[in-house]
């Protein structure tokens, strides 16, 4: 199961608390990058879909689209603060 760090959870809570964002959970979805590669996008949702994989991390429900759930099974989602805001990234889980 994907591990979501406290830093990533804090970034998601900040995002969900914005007045212009509608939803109470975060869904990670496949998304095309400008280079034509597949990346991971973030989408606010109210309820997971029937095939979604959900996990709770420090008070935030994080949902994985079924297309990307297997590739994130042994990963860690983390965040670092930049001048532009939170920068989310995926890394391998330490053995």
PDB file of N, CA and C in Angstrom:
ATOM      1  N   UNK A   1       0.845  -1.184   0.000  1.00  0.00           N
ATOM      2  CA  UNK A   1       0.000   0.000   0.000  1.00  0.00           C
ATOM      3  C   UNK A   1       0.890   1.247   0.000  1.00  0.00           C
ATOM      4  N   UNK A   2       0.500   2.234  -0.754  1.00  0.00           N
ATOM      5  CA  UNK A   2       1.224   3.501  -0.812  1.00  0.00           C
ATOM      6  C   UNK A   2       1.318   4.122   0.577  1.00  0.00           C
ATOM      7  N   UNK A   3       2.500   4.554   0.947  1.00  0.00           N
ATOM      8  CA  UNK A   3       2.700   5.277   2.203  1.00  0.00           C
ATOM      9  C   UNK A   3       2.676   6.777   1.886  1.00  0.00           C
ATOM     10  N   UNK A   4       1.888   7.529   2.610  1.00  0.00           N
ATOM     11  CA  UNK A   4       1.797   8.971   2.433  1.00  0.00           C
ATOM     12  C   UNK A   4       2.414   9.622   3.667  1.00  0.00           C
ATOM     13  N   UNK A   5       3.452  10.425   3.459  1.00  0.00           N
ATOM     14  CA  UNK A   5       4.139  11.039   4.593  1.00  0.00           C
ATOM     15  C   UNK A   5       3.291  12.151   5.199  1.00  0.00           C
ATOM     16  N   UNK A   6       3.681  12.566   6.372  1.00  0.00           N
ATOM     17  CA  UNK A   6       2.987  13.679   7.035  1.00  0.00           C
ATOM     18  C   UNK A   6       3.103  14.959   6.217  1.00  0.00           C
ATOM     19  N   UNK A   7       4.252  15.185   5.585  1.00  0.00           N
ATOM     20  CA  UNK A   7       4.429  16.386   4.759  1.00  0.00           C
ATOM     21  C   UNK A   7       3.446  16.388   3.582  1.00  0.00           C
ATOM     22  N   UNK A   8       3.270  15.231   2.932  1.00  0.00           N
ATOM     23  CA  UNK A   8       2.325  15.137   1.820  1.00  0.00           C
ATOM     24  C   UNK A   8       0.894  15.303   2.321  1.00  0.00           C
ATOM     25  N   UNK A   9       0.573  14.691   3.465  1.00  0.00           N
ATOM     26  CA  UNK A   9      -0.765  14.845   4.048  1.00  0.00           C
ATOM     27  C   UNK A   9      -1.067  16.303   4.369  1.00  0.00           C
ATOM     28  N   UNK A  10      -0.090  17.009   4.920  1.00  0.00           N
ATOM     29  CA  UNK A  10      -0.272  18.438   5.212  1.00  0.00           C
ATOM     30  C   UNK A  10      -0.533  19.228   3.938  1.00  0.00           C
ATOM     31  N   UNK A  11       0.195  18.917   2.867  1.00  0.00           N
ATOM     32  CA  UNK A  11      -0.028  19.602   1.590  1.00  0.00           C
ATOM     33  C   UNK A  11      -1.430  19.335   1.065  1.00  0.00           C
ATOM     34  N   UNK A  12      -1.892  18.091   1.183  1.00  0.00           N
ATOM     35  CA  UNK A  12      -3.244  17.752   0.738  1.00  0.00           C
ATOM     36  C   UNK A  12      -4.298  18.461   1.585  1.00  0.00           C
ATOM     37  N   UNK A  13      -4.102  18.503   2.908  1.00  0.00           N
ATOM     38  CA  UNK A  13      -5.065  19.201   3.776  1.00  0.00           C
ATOM     39  C   UNK A  13      -5.138  20.678   3.413  1.00  0.00           C
ATOM     40  N   UNK A  14      -3.996  21.304   3.182  1.00  0.00           N
ATOM     41  CA  UNK A  14      -3.964  22.710   2.784  1.00  0.00           C
ATOM     42  C   UNK A  14      -4.739  22.906   1.487  1.00  0.00           C
ATOM     43  N   UNK A  15      -4.534  22.013   0.525  1.00  0.00           N
ATOM     44  CA  UNK A  15      -5.232  22.073  -0.756  1.00  0.00           C
ATOM     45  C   UNK A  15      -6.743  21.919  -0.565  1.00  0.00           C
ATOM     46  N   UNK A  16      -7.156  20.911   0.217  1.00  0.00           N
ATOM     47  CA  UNK A  16      -8.579  20.657   0.420  1.00  0.00           C
ATOM     48  C   UNK A  16      -9.264  21.756   1.217  1.00  0.00           C
ATOM     49  N   UNK A  17      -8.523  22.497   2.040  1.00  0.00           N
ATOM     50  CA  UNK A  17      -9.093  23.574   2.849  1.00  0.00           C
ATOM     51  C   UNK A  17      -9.318  24.864   2.066  1.00  0.00           C
ATOM     52  N   UNK A  18      -8.792  24.932   0.840  1.00  0.00           N
ATOM     53  CA  UNK A  18      -9.000  26.138   0.029  1.00  0.00           C
ATOM     54  C   UNK A  18     -10.473  26.284  -0.313  1.00  0.00           C
ATOM     55  N   UNK A  19     -10.955  27.509  -0.332  1.00  0.00           N
ATOM     56  CA  UNK A  19     -12.361  27.759  -0.606  1.00  0.00           C
ATOM     57  C   UNK A  19     -12.797  27.380  -2.007  1.00  0.00           C
ATOM     58  N   UNK A  20     -11.882  27.378  -2.964  1.00  0.00           N
ATOM     59  CA  UNK A  20     -12.248  27.068  -4.352  1.00  0.00           C
ATOM     60  C   UNK A  20     -12.135  25.582  -4.692  1.00  0.00           C
ATOM     61  N   UNK A  21     -11.779  24.751  -3.733  1.00  0.00           N
ATOM     62  CA  UNK A  21     -11.623  23.315  -3.962  1.00  0.00           C
ATOM     63  C   UNK A  21     -12.827  22.593  -3.372  1.00  0.00           C
ATOM     64  N   UNK A  22     -13.471  21.775  -4.184  1.00  0.00           N
ATOM     65  CA  UNK A  22     -14.639  21.006  -3.744  1.00  0.00           C
ATOM     66  C   UNK A  22     -14.244  19.544  -3.627  1.00  0.00           C
ATOM     67  N   UNK A  23     -14.317  19.008  -2.448  1.00  0.00           N
ATOM     68  CA  UNK A  23     -13.994  17.607  -2.206  1.00  0.00           C
ATOM     69  C   UNK A  23     -13.455  17.443  -0.802  1.00  0.00           C
ATOM     70  N   UNK A  24     -13.497  16.201  -0.323  1.00  0.00           N
ATOM     71  CA  UNK A  24     -12.989  15.924   1.022  1.00  0.00           C
ATOM     72  C   UNK A  24     -11.926  14.830   1.016  1.00  0.00           C
ATOM     73  N   UNK A  25     -11.489  14.424  -0.181  1.00  0.00           N
ATOM     74  CA  UNK A  25     -10.433  13.423  -0.329  1.00  0.00           C
ATOM     75  C   UNK A  25      -9.606  13.782  -1.556  1.00  0.00           C
ATOM     76  N   UNK A  26      -8.445  13.167  -1.665  1.00  0.00           N
ATOM     77  CA  UNK A  26      -7.536  13.385  -2.791  1.00  0.00           C
ATOM     78  C   UNK A  26      -7.467  12.107  -3.605  1.00  0.00           C
ATOM     79  N   UNK A  27      -7.584  12.238  -4.921  1.00  0.00           N
ATOM     80  CA  UNK A  27      -7.421  11.091  -5.799  1.00  0.00           C
ATOM     81  C   UNK A  27      -6.187  11.306  -6.665  1.00  0.00           C
ATOM     82  N   UNK A  28      -5.316  10.311  -6.700  1.00  0.00           N
ATOM     83  CA  UNK A  28      -4.152  10.331  -7.568  1.00  0.00           C
ATOM     84  C   UNK A  28      -4.534   9.626  -8.862  1.00  0.00           C
ATOM     85  N   UNK A  29      -4.375  10.338  -9.973  1.00  0.00           N
ATOM     86  CA  UNK A  29      -4.818   9.833 -11.273  1.00  0.00           C
ATOM     87  C   UNK A  29      -3.670   9.882 -12.282  1.00  0.00           C
ATOM     88  N   UNK A  30      -3.719   9.037 -13.313  1.00  0.00           N
ATOM     89  CA  UNK A  30      -2.707   9.149 -14.364  1.00  0.00           C
ATOM     90  C   UNK A  30      -2.949  10.436 -15.149  1.00  0.00           C
ATOM     91  N   UNK A  31      -1.871  11.096 -15.506  1.00  0.00           N
ATOM     92  CA  UNK A  31      -1.996  12.383 -16.210  1.00  0.00           C
ATOM     93  C   UNK A  31      -0.838  12.505 -17.202  1.00  0.00           C
ATOM     94  N   UNK A  32      -1.123  12.948 -18.400  1.00  0.00           N
ATOM     95  CA  UNK A  32      -0.088  13.158 -19.420  1.00  0.00           C
ATOM     96  C   UNK A  32       0.691  14.421 -19.113  1.00  0.00           C
ATOM     97  N   UNK A  33       2.016  14.327 -19.206  1.00  0.00           N
ATOM     98  CA  UNK A  33       2.867  15.501 -19.017  1.00  0.00           C
ATOM     99  C   UNK A  33       3.037  16.206 -20.356  1.00  0.00           C
ATOM    100  N   UNK A  34       3.631  17.391 -20.336  1.00  0.00           N
ATOM    101  CA  UNK A  34       3.887  18.132 -21.573  1.00  0.00           C
ATOM    102  C   UNK A  34       4.821  17.375 -22.503  1.00  0.00           C
ATOM    103  N   UNK A  35       5.641  16.487 -21.928  1.00  0.00           N
ATOM    104  CA  UNK A  35       6.585  15.703 -22.716  1.00  0.00           C
ATOM    105  C   UNK A  35       5.943  14.436 -23.275  1.00  0.00           C
ATOM    106  N   UNK A  36       4.649  14.219 -23.030  1.00  0.00           N
ATOM    107  CA  UNK A  36       3.950  13.051 -23.527  1.00  0.00           C
ATOM    108  C   UNK A  36       4.082  11.826 -22.652  1.00  0.00           C
ATOM    109  N   UNK A  37       4.731  11.959 -21.509  1.00  0.00           N
ATOM    110  CA  UNK A  37       4.862  10.850 -20.583  1.00  0.00           C
ATOM    111  C   UNK A  37       3.661  10.826 -19.645  1.00  0.00           C
ATOM    112  N   UNK A  38       3.491   9.713 -18.949  1.00  0.00           N
ATOM    113  CA  UNK A  38       2.425   9.618 -17.964  1.00  0.00           C
ATOM    114  C   UNK A  38       2.977   9.997 -16.603  1.00  0.00           C
ATOM    115  N   UNK A  39       2.332  10.963 -15.974  1.00  0.00           N
ATOM    116  CA  UNK A  39       2.684  11.384 -14.623  1.00  0.00           C
ATOM    117  C   UNK A  39       1.517  11.109 -13.699  1.00  0.00           C
ATOM    118  N   UNK A  40       1.569  11.706 -12.526  1.00  0.00           N
ATOM    119  CA  UNK A  40       0.500  11.539 -11.546  1.00  0.00           C
ATOM    120  C   UNK A  40      -0.137  12.896 -11.298  1.00  0.00           C
ATOM    121  N   UNK A  41      -1.443  12.967 -11.469  1.00  0.00           N
ATOM    122  CA  UNK A  41      -2.198  14.177 -11.192  1.00  0.00           C
ATOM    123  C   UNK A  41      -2.958  14.043  -9.888  1.00  0.00           C
ATOM    124  N   UNK A  42      -3.354  15.173  -9.335  1.00  0.00           N
ATOM    125  CA  UNK A  42      -4.089  15.225  -8.074  1.00  0.00           C
ATOM    126  C   UNK A  42      -5.458  15.825  -8.342  1.00  0.00           C
ATOM    127  N   UNK A  43      -6.491  15.151  -7.848  1.00  0.00           N
ATOM    128  CA  UNK A  43      -7.860  15.591  -8.081  1.00  0.00           C
ATOM    129  C   UNK A  43      -8.655  15.510  -6.780  1.00  0.00           C
ATOM    130  N   UNK A  44      -9.348  16.583  -6.389  1.00  0.00           N
ATOM    131  CA  UNK A  44     -10.205  16.484  -5.201  1.00  0.00           C
ATOM    132  C   UNK A  44     -11.476  15.703  -5.552  1.00  0.00           C
ATOM    133  N   UNK A  45     -11.898  14.825  -4.646  1.00  0.00           N
ATOM    134  CA  UNK A  45     -13.124  14.045  -4.857  1.00  0.00           C
ATOM    135  C   UNK A  45     -13.912  13.976  -3.554  1.00  0.00           C
ATOM    136  N   UNK A  46     -15.176  13.571  -3.675  1.00  0.00           N
ATOM    137  CA  UNK A  46     -15.997  13.347  -2.489  1.00  0.00           C
ATOM    138  C   UNK A  46     -16.012  11.877  -2.089  1.00  0.00           C
ATOM    139  N   UNK A  47     -16.091  10.989  -3.070  1.00  0.00           N
ATOM    140  CA  UNK A  47     -16.185   9.560  -2.802  1.00  0.00           C
ATOM    141  C   UNK A  47     -15.298   8.776  -3.767  1.00  0.00           C
ATOM    142  N   UNK A  48     -14.632   7.726  -3.291  1.00  0.00           N
ATOM    143  CA  UNK A  48     -13.870   6.863  -4.201  1.00  0.00           C
ATOM    144  C   UNK A  48     -14.806   6.118  -5.144  1.00  0.00           C
ATOM    145  N   UNK A  49     -14.294   5.791  -6.321  1.00  0.00           N
ATOM    146  CA  UNK A  49     -15.038   4.969  -7.259  1.00  0.00           C
ATOM    147  C   UNK A  49     -14.980   3.515  -6.837  1.00  0.00           C
ATOM    148  N   UNK A  50     -15.765   2.653  -7.489  1.00  0.00           N
ATOM    149  CA  UNK A  50     -15.845   1.248  -7.075  1.00  0.00           C
ATOM    150  C   UNK A  50     -14.527   0.486  -7.208  1.00  0.00           C
ATOM    151  N   UNK A  51     -13.646   0.870  -8.118  1.00  0.00           N
ATOM    152  CA  UNK A  51     -12.383   0.160  -8.318  1.00  0.00           C
ATOM    153  C   UNK A  51     -11.181   0.914  -7.752  1.00  0.00           C
ATOM    154  N   UNK A  52     -11.424   2.058  -7.123  1.00  0.00           N
ATOM    155  CA  UNK A  52     -10.341   2.849  -6.541  1.00  0.00           C
ATOM    156  C   UNK A  52      -9.791   2.162  -5.290  1.00  0.00           C
ATOM    157  N   UNK A  53      -8.545   2.477  -4.961  1.00  0.00           N
ATOM    158  CA  UNK A  53      -7.905   1.956  -3.759  1.00  0.00           C
ATOM    159  C   UNK A  53      -7.716   3.137  -2.804  1.00  0.00           C
ATOM    160  N   UNK A  54      -8.317   3.063  -1.632  1.00  0.00           N
ATOM    161  CA  UNK A  54      -8.265   4.178  -0.683  1.00  0.00           C
ATOM    162  C   UNK A  54      -7.402   3.838   0.524  1.00  0.00           C
ATOM    163  N   UNK A  55      -6.716   4.867   1.034  1.00  0.00           N
ATOM    164  CA  UNK A  55      -5.936   4.743   2.255  1.00  0.00           C
ATOM    165  C   UNK A  55      -6.101   6.037   3.041  1.00  0.00           C
ATOM    166  N   UNK A  56      -5.929   5.974   4.337  1.00  0.00           N
ATOM    167  CA  UNK A  56      -6.034   7.169   5.178  1.00  0.00           C
ATOM    168  C   UNK A  56      -4.651   7.471   5.728  1.00  0.00           C
ATOM    169  N   UNK A  57      -4.286   8.753   5.655  1.00  0.00           N
ATOM    170  CA  UNK A  57      -2.973   9.160   6.147  1.00  0.00           C
ATOM    171  C   UNK A  57      -3.100  10.465   6.901  1.00  0.00           C
ATOM    172  N   UNK A  58      -2.861  10.436   8.177  1.00  0.00           N
ATOM    173  CA  UNK A  58      -2.892  11.621   9.034  1.00  0.00           C
ATOM    174  C   UNK A  58      -4.128  12.472   8.751  1.00  0.00           C
ATOM    175  N   UNK A  59      -5.293  11.820   8.750  1.00  0.00           N
ATOM    176  CA  UNK A  59      -6.546  12.546   8.613  1.00  0.00           C
ATOM    177  C   UNK A  59      -6.955  12.892   7.197  1.00  0.00           C
ATOM    178  N   UNK A  60      -6.213  12.459   6.185  1.00  0.00           N
ATOM    179  CA  UNK A  60      -6.565  12.728   4.795  1.00  0.00           C
ATOM    180  C   UNK A  60      -6.772  11.401   4.078  1.00  0.00           C
ATOM    181  N   UNK A  61      -7.900  11.276   3.377  1.00  0.00           N
ATOM    182  CA  UNK A  61      -8.140  10.085   2.582  1.00  0.00           C
ATOM    183  C   UNK A  61      -7.465  10.294   1.224  1.00  0.00           C
ATOM    184  N   UNK A  62      -6.565   9.372   0.875  1.00  0.00           N
ATOM    185  CA  UNK A  62      -5.884   9.412  -0.416  1.00  0.00           C
ATOM    186  C   UNK A  62      -6.352   8.201  -1.205  1.00  0.00           C
ATOM    187  N   UNK A  63      -6.842   8.459  -2.406  1.00  0.00           N
ATOM    188  CA  UNK A  63      -7.425   7.436  -3.260  1.00  0.00           C
ATOM    189  C   UNK A  63      -6.552   7.274  -4.493  1.00  0.00           C
ATOM    190  N   UNK A  64      -6.292   6.034  -4.870  1.00  0.00           N
ATOM    191  CA  UNK A  64      -5.498   5.751  -6.064  1.00  0.00           C
ATOM    192  C   UNK A  64      -6.408   5.244  -7.172  1.00  0.00           C
ATOM    193  N   UNK A  65      -6.290   5.832  -8.353  1.00  0.00           N
ATOM    194  CA  UNK A  65      -7.000   5.307  -9.504  1.00  0.00           C
ATOM    195  C   UNK A  65      -6.503   3.895  -9.769  1.00  0.00           C
ATOM    196  N   UNK A  66      -7.369   2.991 -10.219  1.00  0.00           N
ATOM    197  CA  UNK A  66      -6.953   1.597 -10.408  1.00  0.00           C
ATOM    198  C   UNK A  66      -5.813   1.435 -11.413  1.00  0.00           C
ATOM    199  N   UNK A  67      -5.669   2.363 -12.343  1.00  0.00           N
ATOM    200  CA  UNK A  67      -4.607   2.270 -13.350  1.00  0.00           C
ATOM    201  C   UNK A  67      -3.221   2.468 -12.757  1.00  0.00           C
ATOM    202  N   UNK A  68      -3.121   3.209 -11.649  1.00  0.00           N
ATOM    203  CA  UNK A  68      -1.802   3.502 -11.088  1.00  0.00           C
ATOM    204  C   UNK A  68      -1.552   2.820  -9.744  1.00  0.00           C
ATOM    205  N   UNK A  69      -2.585   2.246  -9.154  1.00  0.00           N
ATOM    206  CA  UNK A  69      -2.438   1.627  -7.829  1.00  0.00           C
ATOM    207  C   UNK A  69      -1.344   0.553  -7.790  1.00  0.00           C
ATOM    208  N   UNK A  70      -1.268  -0.360  -8.756  1.00  0.00           N
ATOM    209  CA  UNK A  70      -0.230  -1.402  -8.667  1.00  0.00           C
ATOM    210  C   UNK A  70       1.193  -0.834  -8.691  1.00  0.00           C
ATOM    211  N   UNK A  71       1.425   0.206  -9.471  1.00  0.00           N
ATOM    212  CA  UNK A  71       2.788   0.748  -9.573  1.00  0.00           C
ATOM    213  C   UNK A  71       3.189   1.552  -8.336  1.00  0.00           C
ATOM    214  N   UNK A  72       2.237   1.933  -7.498  1.00  0.00           N
ATOM    215  CA  UNK A  72       2.539   2.705  -6.287  1.00  0.00           C
ATOM    216  C   UNK A  72       2.452   1.860  -5.017  1.00  0.00           C
ATOM    217  N   UNK A  73       2.273   0.564  -5.172  1.00  0.00           N
ATOM    218  CA  UNK A  73       2.064  -0.319  -4.031  1.00  0.00           C
ATOM    219  C   UNK A  73       3.192  -0.258  -3.003  1.00  0.00           C
ATOM    220  N   UNK A  74       4.439  -0.198  -3.456  1.00  0.00           N
ATOM    221  CA  UNK A  74       5.586  -0.175  -2.547  1.00  0.00           C
ATOM    222  C   UNK A  74       6.310   1.169  -2.581  1.00  0.00           C
ATOM    223  N   UNK A  75       5.548   2.250  -2.738  1.00  0.00           N
ATOM    224  CA  UNK A  75       6.138   3.582  -2.862  1.00  0.00           C
ATOM    225  C   UNK A  75       5.746   4.470  -1.686  1.00  0.00           C
ATOM    226  N   UNK A  76       6.444   5.586  -1.603  1.00  0.00           N
ATOM    227  CA  UNK A  76       6.166   6.611  -0.594  1.00  0.00           C
ATOM    228  C   UNK A  76       5.864   7.907  -1.332  1.00  0.00           C
ATOM    229  N   UNK A  77       4.771   8.545  -0.983  1.00  0.00           N
ATOM    230  CA  UNK A  77       4.440   9.867  -1.522  1.00  0.00           C
ATOM    231  C   UNK A  77       4.858  10.887  -0.488  1.00  0.00           C
ATOM    232  N   UNK A  78       5.733  11.803  -0.880  1.00  0.00           N
ATOM    233  CA  UNK A  78       6.284  12.783   0.043  1.00  0.00           C
ATOM    234  C   UNK A  78       6.126  14.171  -0.558  1.00  0.00           C
ATOM    235  N   UNK A  79       6.426  15.195   0.215  1.00  0.00           N
ATOM    236  CA  UNK A  79       6.342  16.582  -0.253  1.00  0.00           C
ATOM    237  C   UNK A  79       7.470  17.395   0.347  1.00  0.00           C
ATOM    238  N   UNK A  80       7.911  18.385  -0.404  1.00  0.00           N
ATOM    239  CA  UNK A  80       8.872  19.356   0.106  1.00  0.00           C
ATOM    240  C   UNK A  80       8.329  20.734  -0.247  1.00  0.00           C
ATOM    241  N   UNK A  81       8.686  21.708   0.563  1.00  0.00           N
ATOM    242  CA  UNK A  81       8.221  23.068   0.357  1.00  0.00           C
ATOM    243  C   UNK A  81       9.169  23.807  -0.576  1.00  0.00           C
ATOM    244  N   UNK A  82       8.587  24.483  -1.558  1.00  0.00           N
ATOM    245  CA  UNK A  82       9.362  25.309  -2.484  1.00  0.00           C
ATOM    246  C   UNK A  82       8.773  26.714  -2.467  1.00  0.00           C
ATOM    247  N   UNK A  83       9.403  27.635  -3.173  1.00  0.00           N
ATOM    248  CA  UNK A  83       8.873  28.996  -3.266  1.00  0.00           C
ATOM    249  C   UNK A  83       7.496  29.016  -3.927  1.00  0.00           C
ATOM    250  N   UNK A  84       7.226  28.027  -4.772  1.00  0.00           N
ATOM    251  CA  UNK A  84       5.943  27.950  -5.472  1.00  0.00           C
ATOM    252  C   UNK A  84       4.891  27.171  -4.694  1.00  0.00           C
ATOM    253  N   UNK A  85       5.257  26.620  -3.530  1.00  0.00           N
ATOM    254  CA  UNK A  85       4.320  25.835  -2.733  1.00  0.00           C
ATOM    255  C   UNK A  85       4.850  24.429  -2.528  1.00  0.00           C
ATOM    256  N   UNK A  86       3.944  23.492  -2.314  1.00  0.00           N
ATOM    257  CA  UNK A  86       4.342  22.107  -2.066  1.00  0.00           C
ATOM    258  C   UNK A  86       4.708  21.413  -3.371  1.00  0.00           C
ATOM    259  N   UNK A  87       5.781  20.668  -3.337  1.00  0.00           N
ATOM    260  CA  UNK A  87       6.235  19.864  -4.468  1.00  0.00           C
ATOM    261  C   UNK A  87       6.120  18.405  -4.048  1.00  0.00           C
ATOM    262  N   UNK A  88       5.157  17.692  -4.628  1.00  0.00           N
ATOM    263  CA  UNK A  88       4.938  16.290  -4.303  1.00  0.00           C
ATOM    264  C   UNK A  88       5.837  15.416  -5.160  1.00  0.00           C
ATOM    265  N   UNK A  89       6.324  14.325  -4.583  1.00  0.00           N
ATOM    266  CA  UNK A  89       7.140  13.401  -5.352  1.00  0.00           C
ATOM    267  C   UNK A  89       6.985  11.989  -4.790  1.00  0.00           C
ATOM    268  N   UNK A  90       7.257  11.011  -5.619  1.00  0.00           N
ATOM    269  CA  UNK A  90       7.162   9.607  -5.241  1.00  0.00           C
ATOM    270  C   UNK A  90       8.571   9.056  -5.158  1.00  0.00           C
ATOM    271  N   UNK A  91       8.819   8.267  -4.120  1.00  0.00           N
ATOM    272  CA  UNK A  91      10.117   7.610  -3.964  1.00  0.00           C
ATOM    273  C   UNK A  91       9.886   6.163  -3.536  1.00  0.00           C
ATOM    274  N   UNK A  92      10.906   5.355  -3.730  1.00  0.00           N
ATOM    275  CA  UNK A  92      10.824   3.957  -3.319  1.00  0.00           C
ATOM    276  C   UNK A  92      10.837   3.871  -1.797  1.00  0.00           C
ATOM    277  N   UNK A  93      10.117   2.910  -1.280  1.00  0.00           N
ATOM    278  CA  UNK A  93      10.112   2.658   0.163  1.00  0.00           C
ATOM    279  C   UNK A  93      11.433   2.004   0.543  1.00  0.00           C
ATOM    280  N   UNK A  94      12.040   2.452   1.610  1.00  0.00           N
ATOM    281  CA  UNK A  94      13.293   1.865   2.085  1.00  0.00           C
ATOM    282  C   UNK A  94      13.032   0.465   2.621  1.00  0.00           C
ATOM    283  N   UNK A  95      13.948  -0.409   2.350  1.00  0.00           N
ATOM    284  CA  UNK A  95      13.770  -1.798   2.801  1.00  0.00           C
ATOM    285  C   UNK A  95      14.013  -1.917   4.280  1.00  0.00           C
TER     286      UNK A  95
END
